[in-house]
Amino acid sequence: MAKEYVKVRADFLPDGSIRPLMFKTEDGEKVLIDRVLDVRPAPALKAGGQGVRYVCRTEEKTVYLFLDRERWFLEE
């Protein structure tokens, strides 16, 4: 398994939390996030590494989006 680093657009809320709104894959596809289902510190078991894991629902599927320091990646 590999990490796919992505560009993310997010809201930074007054309480200090971050809510991702959409991401752009390496091939340029824009994916809107319909809903964030869960947020917690967690390891990326398949791709390796650790960060804040956002379980997100998109039109097509549930994705695991990680924030590792200043970089965002998807666990493929």
PDB file of N, CA and C in Angstrom:
ATOM      1  N   MET A   1       0.833  -1.180   0.000  1.00  0.00           N
ATOM      2  CA  MET A   1       0.000   0.000   0.000  1.00  0.00           C
ATOM      3  C   MET A   1       0.878   1.244   0.000  1.00  0.00           C
ATOM      4  N   ALA A   2       0.337   2.300  -0.559  1.00  0.00           N
ATOM      5  CA  ALA A   2       1.115   3.521  -0.677  1.00  0.00           C
ATOM      6  C   ALA A   2       0.300   4.713  -0.214  1.00  0.00           C
ATOM      7  N   LYS A   3       1.008   5.766   0.093  1.00  0.00           N
ATOM      8  CA  LYS A   3       0.368   7.032   0.418  1.00  0.00           C
ATOM      9  C   LYS A   3       0.201   7.809  -0.877  1.00  0.00           C
ATOM     10  N   GLU A   4      -0.945   8.441  -1.010  1.00  0.00           N
ATOM     11  CA  GLU A   4      -1.147   9.368  -2.124  1.00  0.00           C
ATOM     12  C   GLU A   4      -1.288  10.748  -1.506  1.00  0.00           C
ATOM     13  N   TYR A   5      -0.258  11.570  -1.670  1.00  0.00           N
ATOM     14  CA  TYR A   5      -0.313  12.929  -1.139  1.00  0.00           C
ATOM     15  C   TYR A   5      -1.269  13.750  -1.982  1.00  0.00           C
ATOM     16  N   VAL A   6      -2.112  14.528  -1.319  1.00  0.00           N
ATOM     17  CA  VAL A   6      -3.154  15.281  -1.999  1.00  0.00           C
ATOM     18  C   VAL A   6      -3.167  16.729  -1.522  1.00  0.00           C
ATOM     19  N   LYS A   7      -3.715  17.578  -2.367  1.00  0.00           N
ATOM     20  CA  LYS A   7      -3.943  18.976  -2.020  1.00  0.00           C
ATOM     21  C   LYS A   7      -5.333  19.056  -1.399  1.00  0.00           C
ATOM     22  N   VAL A   8      -5.454  19.721  -0.245  1.00  0.00           N
ATOM     23  CA  VAL A   8      -6.716  19.770   0.490  1.00  0.00           C
ATOM     24  C   VAL A   8      -7.154  21.208   0.702  1.00  0.00           C
ATOM     25  N   ARG A   9      -8.434  21.454   0.537  1.00  0.00           N
ATOM     26  CA  ARG A   9      -9.049  22.732   0.913  1.00  0.00           C
ATOM     27  C   ARG A   9      -9.841  22.445   2.185  1.00  0.00           C
ATOM     28  N   ALA A  10      -9.603  23.264   3.217  1.00  0.00           N
ATOM     29  CA  ALA A  10     -10.229  23.005   4.509  1.00  0.00           C
ATOM     30  C   ALA A  10     -10.624  24.299   5.191  1.00  0.00           C
ATOM     31  N   ASP A  11     -11.581  24.186   6.092  1.00  0.00           N
ATOM     32  CA  ASP A  11     -11.963  25.289   6.969  1.00  0.00           C
ATOM     33  C   ASP A  11     -11.210  25.135   8.282  1.00  0.00           C
ATOM     34  N   PHE A  12     -10.670  26.241   8.783  1.00  0.00           N
ATOM     35  CA  PHE A  12     -10.038  26.276  10.100  1.00  0.00           C
ATOM     36  C   PHE A  12     -11.029  26.967  11.020  1.00  0.00           C
ATOM     37  N   LEU A  13     -11.582  26.235  11.956  1.00  0.00           N
ATOM     38  CA  LEU A  13     -12.671  26.728  12.790  1.00  0.00           C
ATOM     39  C   LEU A  13     -12.151  27.456  14.024  1.00  0.00           C
ATOM     40  N   PRO A  14     -12.977  28.338  14.613  1.00  0.00           N
ATOM     41  CA  PRO A  14     -12.551  29.127  15.771  1.00  0.00           C
ATOM     42  C   PRO A  14     -12.084  28.277  16.967  1.00  0.00           C
ATOM     43  N   ASP A  15     -12.598  27.056  17.088  1.00  0.00           N
ATOM     44  CA  ASP A  15     -12.198  26.206  18.207  1.00  0.00           C
ATOM     45  C   ASP A  15     -10.851  25.511  17.971  1.00  0.00           C
ATOM     46  N   GLY A  16     -10.216  25.794  16.821  1.00  0.00           N
ATOM     47  CA  GLY A  16      -8.914  25.218  16.510  1.00  0.00           C
ATOM     48  C   GLY A  16      -8.977  23.948  15.678  1.00  0.00           C
ATOM     49  N   SER A  17     -10.164  23.438  15.435  1.00  0.00           N
ATOM     50  CA  SER A  17     -10.290  22.219  14.635  1.00  0.00           C
ATOM     51  C   SER A  17     -10.206  22.553  13.142  1.00  0.00           C
ATOM     52  N   ILE A  18      -9.943  21.527  12.361  1.00  0.00           N
ATOM     53  CA  ILE A  18      -9.824  21.651  10.907  1.00  0.00           C
ATOM     54  C   ILE A  18     -10.878  20.751  10.281  1.00  0.00           C
ATOM     55  N   ARG A  19     -11.624  21.274   9.313  1.00  0.00           N
ATOM     56  CA  ARG A  19     -12.611  20.474   8.609  1.00  0.00           C
ATOM     57  C   ARG A  19     -12.284  20.467   7.124  1.00  0.00           C
ATOM     58  N   PRO A  20     -11.806  19.326   6.599  1.00  0.00           N
ATOM     59  CA  PRO A  20     -11.526  19.254   5.160  1.00  0.00           C
ATOM     60  C   PRO A  20     -12.821  19.330   4.357  1.00  0.00           C
ATOM     61  N   LEU A  21     -12.775  20.095   3.269  1.00  0.00           N
ATOM     62  CA  LEU A  21     -13.953  20.290   2.417  1.00  0.00           C
ATOM     63  C   LEU A  21     -13.839  19.548   1.093  1.00  0.00           C
ATOM     64  N   MET A  22     -12.622  19.493   0.551  1.00  0.00           N
ATOM     65  CA  MET A  22     -12.380  18.804  -0.717  1.00  0.00           C
ATOM     66  C   MET A  22     -10.907  18.501  -0.838  1.00  0.00           C
ATOM     67  N   PHE A  23     -10.574  17.567  -1.728  1.00  0.00           N
ATOM     68  CA  PHE A  23      -9.169  17.300  -2.020  1.00  0.00           C
ATOM     69  C   PHE A  23      -8.996  17.071  -3.507  1.00  0.00           C
ATOM     70  N   LYS A  24      -7.769  17.264  -3.951  1.00  0.00           N
ATOM     71  CA  LYS A  24      -7.418  17.086  -5.362  1.00  0.00           C
ATOM     72  C   LYS A  24      -6.359  15.994  -5.423  1.00  0.00           C
ATOM     73  N   THR A  25      -6.634  14.943  -6.182  1.00  0.00           N
ATOM     74  CA  THR A  25      -5.707  13.822  -6.299  1.00  0.00           C
ATOM     75  C   THR A  25      -4.507  14.201  -7.165  1.00  0.00           C
ATOM     76  N   GLU A  26      -3.503  13.333  -7.169  1.00  0.00           N
ATOM     77  CA  GLU A  26      -2.289  13.591  -7.955  1.00  0.00           C
ATOM     78  C   GLU A  26      -2.586  13.714  -9.443  1.00  0.00           C
ATOM     79  N   ASP A  27      -3.644  13.032  -9.919  1.00  0.00           N
ATOM     80  CA  ASP A  27      -3.986  13.124 -11.340  1.00  0.00           C
ATOM     81  C   ASP A  27      -4.927  14.288 -11.646  1.00  0.00           C
ATOM     82  N   GLY A  28      -5.210  15.153 -10.637  1.00  0.00           N
ATOM     83  CA  GLY A  28      -5.969  16.364 -10.855  1.00  0.00           C
ATOM     84  C   GLY A  28      -7.459  16.258 -10.599  1.00  0.00           C
ATOM     85  N   GLU A  29      -7.946  15.091 -10.217  1.00  0.00           N
ATOM     86  CA  GLU A  29      -9.368  14.919  -9.947  1.00  0.00           C
ATOM     87  C   GLU A  29      -9.757  15.627  -8.649  1.00  0.00           C
ATOM     88  N   LYS A  30     -10.809  16.436  -8.701  1.00  0.00           N
ATOM     89  CA  LYS A  30     -11.317  17.120  -7.512  1.00  0.00           C
ATOM     90  C   LYS A  30     -12.414  16.258  -6.890  1.00  0.00           C
ATOM     91  N   VAL A  31     -12.302  16.041  -5.578  1.00  0.00           N
ATOM     92  CA  VAL A  31     -13.275  15.217  -4.862  1.00  0.00           C
ATOM     93  C   VAL A  31     -13.834  16.025  -3.701  1.00  0.00           C
ATOM     94  N   LEU A  32     -15.142  16.237  -3.712  1.00  0.00           N
ATOM     95  CA  LEU A  32     -15.800  16.951  -2.628  1.00  0.00           C
ATOM     96  C   LEU A  32     -16.078  16.004  -1.472  1.00  0.00           C
ATOM     97  N   ILE A  33     -15.875  16.491  -0.262  1.00  0.00           N
ATOM     98  CA  ILE A  33     -16.157  15.710   0.936  1.00  0.00           C
ATOM     99  C   ILE A  33     -17.558  16.081   1.401  1.00  0.00           C
ATOM    100  N   ASP A  34     -18.445  15.095   1.423  1.00  0.00           N
ATOM    101  CA  ASP A  34     -19.825  15.330   1.832  1.00  0.00           C
ATOM    102  C   ASP A  34     -19.950  15.445   3.349  1.00  0.00           C
ATOM    103  N   ARG A  35     -19.178  14.621   4.046  1.00  0.00           N
ATOM    104  CA  ARG A  35     -19.320  14.575   5.504  1.00  0.00           C
ATOM    105  C   ARG A  35     -18.064  13.988   6.131  1.00  0.00           C
ATOM    106  N   VAL A  36     -17.650  14.556   7.257  1.00  0.00           N
ATOM    107  CA  VAL A  36     -16.558  13.987   8.051  1.00  0.00           C
ATOM    108  C   VAL A  36     -17.209  13.127   9.121  1.00  0.00           C
ATOM    109  N   LEU A  37     -16.919  11.827   9.100  1.00  0.00           N
ATOM    110  CA  LEU A  37     -17.556  10.877  10.003  1.00  0.00           C
ATOM    111  C   LEU A  37     -16.825  10.732  11.333  1.00  0.00           C
ATOM    112  N   ASP A  38     -15.486  10.906  11.314  1.00  0.00           N
ATOM    113  CA  ASP A  38     -14.697  10.701  12.528  1.00  0.00           C
ATOM    114  C   ASP A  38     -13.364  11.418  12.379  1.00  0.00           C
ATOM    115  N   VAL A  39     -12.850  11.918  13.502  1.00  0.00           N
ATOM    116  CA  VAL A  39     -11.533  12.556  13.533  1.00  0.00           C
ATOM    117  C   VAL A  39     -10.832  12.082  14.788  1.00  0.00           C
ATOM    118  N   ARG A  40      -9.590  11.548  14.623  1.00  0.00           N
ATOM    119  CA  ARG A  40      -8.810  11.106  15.780  1.00  0.00           C
ATOM    120  C   ARG A  40      -7.362  10.849  15.373  1.00  0.00           C
ATOM    121  N   PRO A  41      -6.428  10.964  16.323  1.00  0.00           N
ATOM    122  CA  PRO A  41      -5.048  10.560  16.039  1.00  0.00           C
ATOM    123  C   PRO A  41      -5.031   9.049  15.794  1.00  0.00           C
ATOM    124  N   ALA A  42      -4.368   8.636  14.734  1.00  0.00           N
ATOM    125  CA  ALA A  42      -4.354   7.213  14.403  1.00  0.00           C
ATOM    126  C   ALA A  42      -3.202   6.899  13.465  1.00  0.00           C
ATOM    127  N   PRO A  43      -2.716   5.648  13.505  1.00  0.00           N
ATOM    128  CA  PRO A  43      -1.704   5.237  12.535  1.00  0.00           C
ATOM    129  C   PRO A  43      -2.353   4.913  11.196  1.00  0.00           C
ATOM    130  N   ALA A  44      -1.595   5.112  10.137  1.00  0.00           N
ATOM    131  CA  ALA A  44      -2.027   4.680   8.803  1.00  0.00           C
ATOM    132  C   ALA A  44      -1.542   3.248   8.658  1.00  0.00           C
ATOM    133  N   LEU A  45      -2.372   2.297   9.008  1.00  0.00           N
ATOM    134  CA  LEU A  45      -1.962   0.900   9.085  1.00  0.00           C
ATOM    135  C   LEU A  45      -1.527   0.328   7.738  1.00  0.00           C
ATOM    136  N   LYS A  46      -2.205   0.719   6.669  1.00  0.00           N
ATOM    137  CA  LYS A  46      -1.878   0.166   5.350  1.00  0.00           C
ATOM    138  C   LYS A  46      -0.704   0.880   4.705  1.00  0.00           C
ATOM    139  N   ALA A  47      -0.616   2.208   4.888  1.00  0.00           N
ATOM    140  CA  ALA A  47       0.399   2.996   4.193  1.00  0.00           C
ATOM    141  C   ALA A  47       1.616   3.310   5.057  1.00  0.00           C
ATOM    142  N   GLY A  48       1.487   3.136   6.355  1.00  0.00           N
ATOM    143  CA  GLY A  48       2.581   3.496   7.256  1.00  0.00           C
ATOM    144  C   GLY A  48       2.521   4.963   7.619  1.00  0.00           C
ATOM    145  N   GLY A  49       3.024   5.282   8.777  1.00  0.00           N
ATOM    146  CA  GLY A  49       2.995   6.657   9.246  1.00  0.00           C
ATOM    147  C   GLY A  49       1.886   6.860  10.264  1.00  0.00           C
ATOM    148  N   GLN A  50       1.758   8.083  10.705  1.00  0.00           N
ATOM    149  CA  GLN A  50       0.761   8.405  11.709  1.00  0.00           C
ATOM    150  C   GLN A  50       0.358   9.852  11.548  1.00  0.00           C
ATOM    151  N   GLY A  51      -0.813  10.196  12.033  1.00  0.00           N
ATOM    152  CA  GLY A  51      -1.290  11.564  11.981  1.00  0.00           C
ATOM    153  C   GLY A  51      -2.710  11.641  12.484  1.00  0.00           C
ATOM    154  N   VAL A  52      -3.372  12.717  12.139  1.00  0.00           N
ATOM    155  CA  VAL A  52      -4.782  12.860  12.471  1.00  0.00           C
ATOM    156  C   VAL A  52      -5.567  12.241  11.318  1.00  0.00           C
ATOM    157  N   ARG A  53      -6.383  11.227  11.642  1.00  0.00           N
ATOM    158  CA  ARG A  53      -7.149  10.538  10.601  1.00  0.00           C
ATOM    159  C   ARG A  53      -8.554  11.116  10.521  1.00  0.00           C
ATOM    160  N   TYR A  54      -8.942  11.526   9.321  1.00  0.00           N
ATOM    161  CA  TYR A  54     -10.283  12.005   9.033  1.00  0.00           C
ATOM    162  C   TYR A  54     -10.966  10.924   8.201  1.00  0.00           C
ATOM    163  N   VAL A  55     -12.017  10.337   8.750  1.00  0.00           N
ATOM    164  CA  VAL A  55     -12.820   9.389   7.989  1.00  0.00           C
ATOM    165  C   VAL A  55     -13.882  10.226   7.289  1.00  0.00           C
ATOM    166  N   CYS A  56     -13.806  10.263   5.960  1.00  0.00           N
ATOM    167  CA  CYS A  56     -14.648  11.165   5.174  1.00  0.00           C
ATOM    168  C   CYS A  56     -15.532  10.382   4.213  1.00  0.00           C
ATOM    169  N   ARG A  57     -16.729  10.879   4.044  1.00  0.00           N
ATOM    170  CA  ARG A  57     -17.652  10.304   3.071  1.00  0.00           C
ATOM    171  C   ARG A  57     -17.675  11.215   1.854  1.00  0.00           C
ATOM    172  N   THR A  58     -17.424  10.630   0.678  1.00  0.00           N
ATOM    173  CA  THR A  58     -17.533  11.344  -0.587  1.00  0.00           C
ATOM    174  C   THR A  58     -18.747  10.778  -1.326  1.00  0.00           C
ATOM    175  N   GLU A  59     -19.013  11.286  -2.517  1.00  0.00           N
ATOM    176  CA  GLU A  59     -20.123  10.747  -3.312  1.00  0.00           C
ATOM    177  C   GLU A  59     -19.980   9.253  -3.538  1.00  0.00           C
ATOM    178  N   GLU A  60     -18.746   8.832  -3.763  1.00  0.00           N
ATOM    179  CA  GLU A  60     -18.503   7.467  -4.195  1.00  0.00           C
ATOM    180  C   GLU A  60     -18.219   6.487  -3.065  1.00  0.00           C
ATOM    181  N   LYS A  61     -17.514   6.940  -2.010  1.00  0.00           N
ATOM    182  CA  LYS A  61     -17.043   5.978  -1.019  1.00  0.00           C
ATOM    183  C   LYS A  61     -16.591   6.672   0.260  1.00  0.00           C
ATOM    184  N   THR A  62     -16.178   5.860   1.215  1.00  0.00           N
ATOM    185  CA  THR A  62     -15.565   6.355   2.442  1.00  0.00           C
ATOM    186  C   THR A  62     -14.058   6.329   2.244  1.00  0.00           C
ATOM    187  N   VAL A  63     -13.386   7.441   2.575  1.00  0.00           N
ATOM    188  CA  VAL A  63     -11.934   7.526   2.408  1.00  0.00           C
ATOM    189  C   VAL A  63     -11.292   7.897   3.741  1.00  0.00           C
ATOM    190  N   TYR A  64     -10.040   7.493   3.892  1.00  0.00           N
ATOM    191  CA  TYR A  64      -9.245   7.819   5.066  1.00  0.00           C
ATOM    192  C   TYR A  64      -8.214   8.868   4.667  1.00  0.00           C
ATOM    193  N   LEU A  65      -8.424  10.082   5.145  1.00  0.00           N
ATOM    194  CA  LEU A  65      -7.574  11.223   4.846  1.00  0.00           C
ATOM    195  C   LEU A  65      -6.772  11.547   6.099  1.00  0.00           C
ATOM    196  N   PHE A  66      -5.451  11.614   5.959  1.00  0.00           N
ATOM    197  CA  PHE A  66      -4.572  11.854   7.100  1.00  0.00           C
ATOM    198  C   PHE A  66      -3.879  13.199   6.978  1.00  0.00           C
ATOM    199  N   LEU A  67      -3.735  13.869   8.105  1.00  0.00           N
ATOM    200  CA  LEU A  67      -2.923  15.075   8.205  1.00  0.00           C
ATOM    201  C   LEU A  67      -1.698  14.693   9.027  1.00  0.00           C
ATOM    202  N   ASP A  68      -0.546  14.639   8.375  1.00  0.00           N
ATOM    203  CA  ASP A  68       0.718  14.281   9.015  1.00  0.00           C
ATOM    204  C   ASP A  68       1.599  15.520   9.026  1.00  0.00           C
ATOM    205  N   ARG A  69       1.619  16.200  10.156  1.00  0.00           N
ATOM    206  CA  ARG A  69       2.275  17.506  10.314  1.00  0.00           C
ATOM    207  C   ARG A  69       1.636  18.507   9.360  1.00  0.00           C
ATOM    208  N   GLU A  70       2.299  18.887   8.278  1.00  0.00           N
ATOM    209  CA  GLU A  70       1.733  19.849   7.332  1.00  0.00           C
ATOM    210  C   GLU A  70       1.290  19.216   6.014  1.00  0.00           C
ATOM    211  N   ARG A  71       1.367  17.898   5.906  1.00  0.00           N
ATOM    212  CA  ARG A  71       1.049  17.237   4.641  1.00  0.00           C
ATOM    213  C   ARG A  71      -0.179  16.340   4.786  1.00  0.00           C
ATOM    214  N   TRP A  72      -1.017  16.360   3.769  1.00  0.00           N
ATOM    215  CA  TRP A  72      -2.206  15.531   3.736  1.00  0.00           C
ATOM    216  C   TRP A  72      -1.953  14.333   2.802  1.00  0.00           C
ATOM    217  N   PHE A  73      -2.439  13.163   3.214  1.00  0.00           N
ATOM    218  CA  PHE A  73      -2.360  12.006   2.309  1.00  0.00           C
ATOM    219  C   PHE A  73      -3.575  11.119   2.482  1.00  0.00           C
ATOM    220  N   LEU A  74      -3.864  10.367   1.421  1.00  0.00           N
ATOM    221  CA  LEU A  74      -4.913   9.361   1.434  1.00  0.00           C
ATOM    222  C   LEU A  74      -4.257   8.016   1.644  1.00  0.00           C
ATOM    223  N   GLU A  75      -4.918   7.169   2.387  1.00  0.00           N
ATOM    224  CA  GLU A  75      -4.453   5.794   2.514  1.00  0.00           C
ATOM    225  C   GLU A  75      -5.141   4.998   1.422  1.00  0.00           C
ATOM    226  N   GLU A  76      -4.368   4.480   0.485  1.00  0.00           N
ATOM    227  CA  GLU A  76      -4.942   3.727  -0.650  1.00  0.00           C
ATOM    228  C   GLU A  76      -5.053   2.268  -0.307  1.00  0.00           C
TER     229      GLU A  76
END
